[in-house]
N, C-alpha and C. Protein backbone atom coordinates (compact mmCIF):
# COMPACT_ATOMS: atom_id res chain seq x y z
N UNK A 1 83.97 -11.45 34.69
CA UNK A 1 84.58 -11.08 36.44
C UNK A 1 83.59 -10.47 37.28
N UNK A 2 82.49 -9.79 36.66
CA UNK A 2 81.74 -9.29 37.87
C UNK A 2 80.26 -10.49 38.11
N UNK A 3 80.28 -11.30 36.85
CA UNK A 3 79.24 -12.31 37.25
C UNK A 3 79.88 -13.40 37.79
N UNK A 4 81.16 -13.59 37.81
CA UNK A 4 81.75 -14.58 38.45
C UNK A 4 82.03 -14.19 40.13
N UNK A 5 81.97 -13.00 40.24
CA UNK A 5 81.86 -12.26 41.79
C UNK A 5 80.44 -12.59 42.55
N UNK A 6 79.79 -12.13 41.67
CA UNK A 6 78.29 -12.23 42.01
C UNK A 6 77.72 -14.11 42.57
N UNK A 7 78.00 -14.93 41.47
CA UNK A 7 78.43 -16.41 41.93
C UNK A 7 78.82 -16.56 42.84
N UNK A 8 79.80 -16.37 43.12
CA UNK A 8 80.94 -16.51 44.36
C UNK A 8 80.33 -16.23 45.72
N UNK A 9 79.76 -14.96 45.24
CA UNK A 9 79.01 -14.47 46.60
C UNK A 9 77.68 -15.43 46.87
N UNK A 10 76.95 -15.57 45.53
CA UNK A 10 75.65 -16.11 46.01
C UNK A 10 76.04 -17.57 46.52
N UNK A 11 77.08 -18.48 45.87
CA UNK A 11 77.01 -19.80 46.43
C UNK A 11 77.60 -19.68 47.69
N UNK A 12 78.78 -18.98 48.32
CA UNK A 12 79.13 -18.67 49.43
C UNK A 12 77.95 -18.54 50.55
N UNK A 13 77.25 -17.65 50.27
CA UNK A 13 75.79 -17.43 51.08
C UNK A 13 74.88 -18.58 50.87
N UNK A 14 74.78 -19.49 50.09
CA UNK A 14 74.08 -20.67 49.87
C UNK A 14 74.59 -21.77 50.70
N UNK A 15 75.81 -21.47 50.62
CA UNK A 15 76.65 -22.94 51.63
C UNK A 15 76.59 -22.54 53.13
N UNK A 16 76.44 -21.23 53.19
CA UNK A 16 76.34 -21.15 54.82
C UNK A 16 75.04 -21.18 55.36
N UNK A 17 73.89 -21.10 54.66
CA UNK A 17 72.51 -21.23 55.17
C UNK A 17 72.13 -22.83 55.01
N UNK A 18 72.88 -23.82 54.04
CA UNK A 18 72.78 -24.90 54.22
C UNK A 18 73.91 -26.01 55.59
N UNK A 19 74.79 -24.96 56.31
CA UNK A 19 75.62 -25.63 57.07
C UNK A 19 74.87 -25.39 58.84
N UNK A 20 74.69 -26.28 59.29
CA UNK A 20 74.36 -26.09 60.79
C UNK A 20 74.92 -25.25 61.65
N UNK A 21 74.18 -24.38 62.37
CA UNK A 21 74.83 -23.58 63.16
C UNK A 21 76.51 -23.84 64.02
N UNK A 22 76.62 -25.08 64.11
CA UNK A 22 77.89 -24.96 64.81
C UNK A 22 79.15 -25.71 63.35
N UNK A 23 78.46 -25.54 62.29
CA UNK A 23 79.52 -25.58 61.24
C UNK A 23 80.09 -24.33 60.33
N UNK A 24 80.98 -24.56 59.51
CA UNK A 24 81.30 -23.48 58.64
C UNK A 24 81.80 -24.06 57.65
N UNK A 25 81.41 -23.28 56.51
CA UNK A 25 81.62 -23.66 55.15
C UNK A 25 83.10 -23.67 54.51
N UNK A 26 83.98 -24.18 53.88
CA UNK A 26 85.34 -24.49 53.49
C UNK A 26 85.50 -24.78 52.32
N UNK A 27 86.21 -24.27 51.58
CA UNK A 27 86.92 -24.74 50.38
C UNK A 27 85.92 -24.33 48.95
N UNK A 28 85.49 -23.07 49.36
CA UNK A 28 84.61 -21.93 48.10
C UNK A 28 85.44 -21.79 46.96
N UNK A 29 85.35 -22.20 46.00
CA UNK A 29 86.11 -21.33 45.19
C UNK A 29 85.55 -21.30 43.89
N UNK A 30 85.60 -20.74 42.96
CA UNK A 30 85.00 -20.25 41.72
C UNK A 30 85.94 -19.91 40.70
N UNK A 31 85.97 -20.56 39.74
CA UNK A 31 87.02 -20.52 38.68
C UNK A 31 86.42 -19.80 37.10
N UNK A 32 87.05 -19.46 36.18
CA UNK A 32 86.27 -18.95 34.91
C UNK A 32 87.83 -18.76 33.91
N UNK A 33 87.24 -18.48 32.75
CA UNK A 33 88.15 -18.71 31.65
C UNK A 33 87.48 -17.71 30.84
N UNK A 34 87.94 -16.69 29.97
CA UNK A 34 87.32 -15.71 29.47
C UNK A 34 87.59 -16.64 27.79
N UNK A 35 86.31 -17.09 27.05
CA UNK A 35 86.79 -17.75 25.59
C UNK A 35 86.09 -16.99 24.74
N UNK A 36 86.44 -17.09 23.10
CA UNK A 36 85.54 -16.78 22.35
C UNK A 36 85.05 -17.90 21.48
N UNK A 37 84.10 -17.78 20.75
CA UNK A 37 83.18 -18.96 19.99
C UNK A 37 84.02 -19.18 18.74
N UNK A 38 84.16 -20.31 17.98
CA UNK A 38 84.85 -20.71 17.35
C UNK A 38 83.21 -20.69 16.16
N UNK A 39 83.88 -20.37 15.18
CA UNK A 39 83.03 -20.95 14.15
C UNK A 39 83.09 -22.26 13.47
N UNK A 40 82.29 -22.65 12.60
CA UNK A 40 82.50 -24.27 11.69
C UNK A 40 83.97 -23.80 11.33
N UNK A 41 84.49 -25.15 10.95
CA UNK A 41 85.52 -24.77 9.95
C UNK A 41 87.06 -24.17 10.72
N UNK A 42 86.92 -23.41 11.71
CA UNK A 42 87.94 -23.03 12.21
C UNK A 42 88.61 -23.95 13.04
N UNK A 43 90.11 -23.68 13.38
CA UNK A 43 90.71 -24.38 13.95
C UNK A 43 90.88 -24.15 15.37
N UNK A 44 90.53 -24.57 16.21
CA UNK A 44 91.01 -24.74 17.91
C UNK A 44 92.19 -25.71 18.40
N UNK A 45 92.78 -24.32 19.05
CA UNK A 45 94.60 -24.80 19.58
C UNK A 45 94.21 -24.40 20.60
N UNK A 46 94.81 -25.70 21.78
CA UNK A 46 94.71 -25.58 23.21
C UNK A 46 95.94 -25.58 23.74
């Protein structure tokens, strides 16, 4: 959660930095899922 929030803030600032003064960044979104590792031989269900 906190890492994604930081990533979204940094990416948003980066987008604004790349825009010209008369432009505005739009459509900024970051998404993520909590996952756990699977060991070799485990069954993975989607």
